């Protein structure tokens, strides 16, 4: 076996990727890690524990972490980052919005309902909301907290 075949670290592969390809690769890795964390969460927590943690996230915007909850902080961060990336890449960009622009038009009182929709994978809620915000921004009738 040639010496170069002993180890593949992918360094050269990454250097040849475009910025868009690197972003896609990073996103795929976040999704993989988030799926792995969510699978572990489902496998190690009862339905009641899962519901308690989901309810806490919906209410506060924070996933409870620590030994008492059986969730490491890094796992929670990866899951939140994956949700945010999904929202940005697969929904908001379609409507010409960024997360920052989108949140300028969302009432803080709606955050729990939006977190619940994200946790349940009800992305249609965001599509409709983003479409309405984009249309209102375009015609100048958009609500903003500014």
Protein backbone atom coordinates (compact mmCIF):
# COMPACT_ATOMS: atom_id res chain seq x y z
CA UNK A 1 0.00 0.00 0.00
CA UNK A 2 1.47 3.42 -0.91
CA UNK A 3 2.35 5.68 2.01
CA UNK A 4 -0.16 8.33 0.95
CA UNK A 5 -3.03 5.86 1.33
CA UNK A 6 -2.34 5.23 5.01
CA UNK A 7 -4.11 8.36 6.19
CA UNK A 8 -6.79 10.56 4.70
CA UNK A 9 -7.47 13.72 6.68
CA UNK A 10 -9.48 15.56 4.05
CA UNK A 11 -7.30 18.67 4.26
CA UNK A 12 -6.79 18.97 0.50
CA UNK A 13 -10.48 18.27 -0.15
CA UNK A 14 -11.54 21.23 2.01
CA UNK A 15 -9.05 23.58 0.36
CA UNK A 16 -10.59 22.87 -3.05
CA UNK A 17 -14.17 23.59 -1.98
CA UNK A 18 -15.95 26.83 -2.84
CA UNK A 19 -17.33 28.99 -0.04
CA UNK A 20 -20.81 27.67 -0.81
CA UNK A 21 -19.60 24.07 -0.71
CA UNK A 22 -17.82 24.68 2.61
CA UNK A 23 -21.01 26.20 4.02
CA UNK A 24 -23.01 23.20 2.80
CA UNK A 25 -20.49 20.79 4.32
CA UNK A 26 -20.59 22.63 7.65
CA UNK A 27 -24.38 22.63 7.61
CA UNK A 28 -24.48 18.90 6.87
CA UNK A 29 -22.15 18.30 9.83
CA UNK A 30 -24.37 20.38 12.15
CA UNK A 31 -27.41 18.43 10.98
CA UNK A 32 -25.62 15.12 11.55
CA UNK A 33 -24.51 16.12 15.05
CA UNK A 34 -27.95 17.50 15.92
CA UNK A 35 -29.66 14.32 14.69
CA UNK A 36 -27.24 12.25 16.75
CA UNK A 37 -27.97 14.35 19.87
CA UNK A 38 -31.73 14.19 19.31
CA UNK A 39 -31.60 10.42 18.78
CA UNK A 40 -29.64 10.00 22.01
CA UNK A 41 -32.12 12.26 23.79
CA UNK A 42 -35.07 10.17 22.60
CA UNK A 43 -33.30 6.93 23.54
CA UNK A 44 -32.32 8.03 27.06
CA UNK A 45 -35.34 10.06 28.21
CA UNK A 46 -38.88 8.96 28.94
CA UNK A 47 -41.78 10.60 27.14
CA UNK A 48 -42.52 12.60 30.29
CA UNK A 49 -38.90 13.82 30.54
CA UNK A 50 -38.89 14.74 26.88
CA UNK A 51 -42.10 16.73 27.29
CA UNK A 52 -40.77 18.52 30.39
CA UNK A 53 -37.62 19.58 28.52
CA UNK A 54 -39.59 20.59 25.42
CA UNK A 55 -41.95 22.67 27.56
CA UNK A 56 -38.98 24.37 29.26
CA UNK A 57 -37.43 25.17 25.86
CA UNK A 58 -40.71 26.52 24.47
CA UNK A 59 -41.22 28.74 27.50
CA UNK A 60 -37.67 30.05 28.02
CA UNK A 61 -35.84 29.56 24.73
CA UNK A 62 -33.18 27.57 26.58
CA UNK A 63 -32.73 23.81 26.51
CA UNK A 64 -32.14 22.72 30.11
CA UNK A 65 -28.66 21.24 30.39
CA UNK A 66 -26.58 19.50 32.98
CA UNK A 67 -26.45 16.17 34.69
CA UNK A 68 -29.94 16.56 36.17
CA UNK A 69 -31.40 16.82 32.67
CA UNK A 70 -29.07 14.36 30.95
CA UNK A 71 -28.15 16.93 28.28
CA UNK A 72 -24.72 18.37 27.72
CA UNK A 73 -24.52 22.08 26.95
CA UNK A 74 -22.66 21.44 23.69
CA UNK A 75 -25.47 19.12 22.54
CA UNK A 76 -28.07 21.78 23.24
CA UNK A 77 -25.99 24.38 21.39
CA UNK A 78 -25.65 22.11 18.34
CA UNK A 79 -29.40 21.42 18.23
CA UNK A 80 -30.25 25.13 18.48
CA UNK A 81 -27.65 25.97 15.81
CA UNK A 82 -29.09 23.30 13.50
CA UNK A 83 -32.63 24.66 13.98
CA UNK A 84 -31.38 28.21 13.26
CA UNK A 85 -29.47 27.10 10.18
CA UNK A 86 -32.48 25.18 8.89
CA UNK A 87 -34.70 28.22 9.37
CA UNK A 88 -32.21 30.50 7.65
CA UNK A 89 -31.19 28.22 4.77
CA UNK A 90 -34.44 26.46 3.96
CA UNK A 91 -37.08 29.06 4.74
CA UNK A 92 -36.01 32.66 5.27
CA UNK A 93 -33.63 32.89 2.30
CA UNK A 94 -36.47 31.81 0.01
CA UNK A 95 -38.28 34.95 1.06
CA UNK A 96 -35.25 37.25 0.90
CA UNK A 97 -34.92 37.44 4.69
CA UNK A 98 -32.17 36.87 7.22
CA UNK A 99 -32.85 35.73 10.75
CA UNK A 100 -32.11 39.24 11.99
CA UNK A 101 -34.54 40.82 9.50
CA UNK A 102 -37.17 38.20 10.30
CA UNK A 103 -36.89 38.74 14.06
CA UNK A 104 -37.28 42.51 13.62
CA UNK A 105 -40.90 41.78 12.73
CA UNK A 106 -41.70 39.09 15.28
CA UNK A 107 -43.39 40.03 18.54
CA UNK A 108 -41.53 38.53 21.52
CA UNK A 109 -44.89 37.18 22.74
CA UNK A 110 -44.87 34.90 19.67
CA UNK A 111 -41.47 33.34 20.47
CA UNK A 112 -42.88 30.42 22.50
CA UNK A 113 -45.25 29.43 19.69
CA UNK A 114 -42.44 29.67 17.15
CA UNK A 115 -40.07 27.62 19.33
CA UNK A 116 -42.78 24.99 19.70
CA UNK A 117 -43.28 24.87 15.92
CA UNK A 118 -39.53 24.51 15.37
CA UNK A 119 -39.22 21.75 17.97
CA UNK A 120 -42.08 19.87 16.33
CA UNK A 121 -40.68 20.40 12.83
CA UNK A 122 -43.73 22.42 11.77
CA UNK A 123 -41.74 24.52 9.32
CA UNK A 124 -44.86 25.53 7.37
CA UNK A 125 -45.59 27.98 10.20
CA UNK A 126 -42.36 29.81 9.40
CA UNK A 127 -42.94 29.73 5.64
CA UNK A 128 -46.28 31.49 5.99
CA UNK A 129 -44.94 33.95 8.53
CA UNK A 130 -41.83 34.74 6.47
CA UNK A 131 -43.90 35.18 3.31
CA UNK A 132 -46.16 37.69 5.06
CA UNK A 133 -43.19 39.58 6.53
CA UNK A 134 -41.40 39.71 3.17
CA UNK A 135 -44.52 41.02 1.43
CA UNK A 136 -45.07 43.66 4.13
CA UNK A 137 -41.42 44.74 3.95
CA UNK A 138 -41.71 45.06 0.19
CA UNK A 139 -44.82 47.25 0.30
CA UNK A 140 -43.66 49.22 3.34
CA UNK A 141 -46.35 48.05 5.77
CA UNK A 142 -44.13 45.73 7.86
CA UNK A 143 -44.31 45.98 11.62
CA UNK A 144 -40.95 46.43 13.37
CA UNK A 145 -39.90 46.83 16.99
CA UNK A 146 -37.44 49.56 15.93
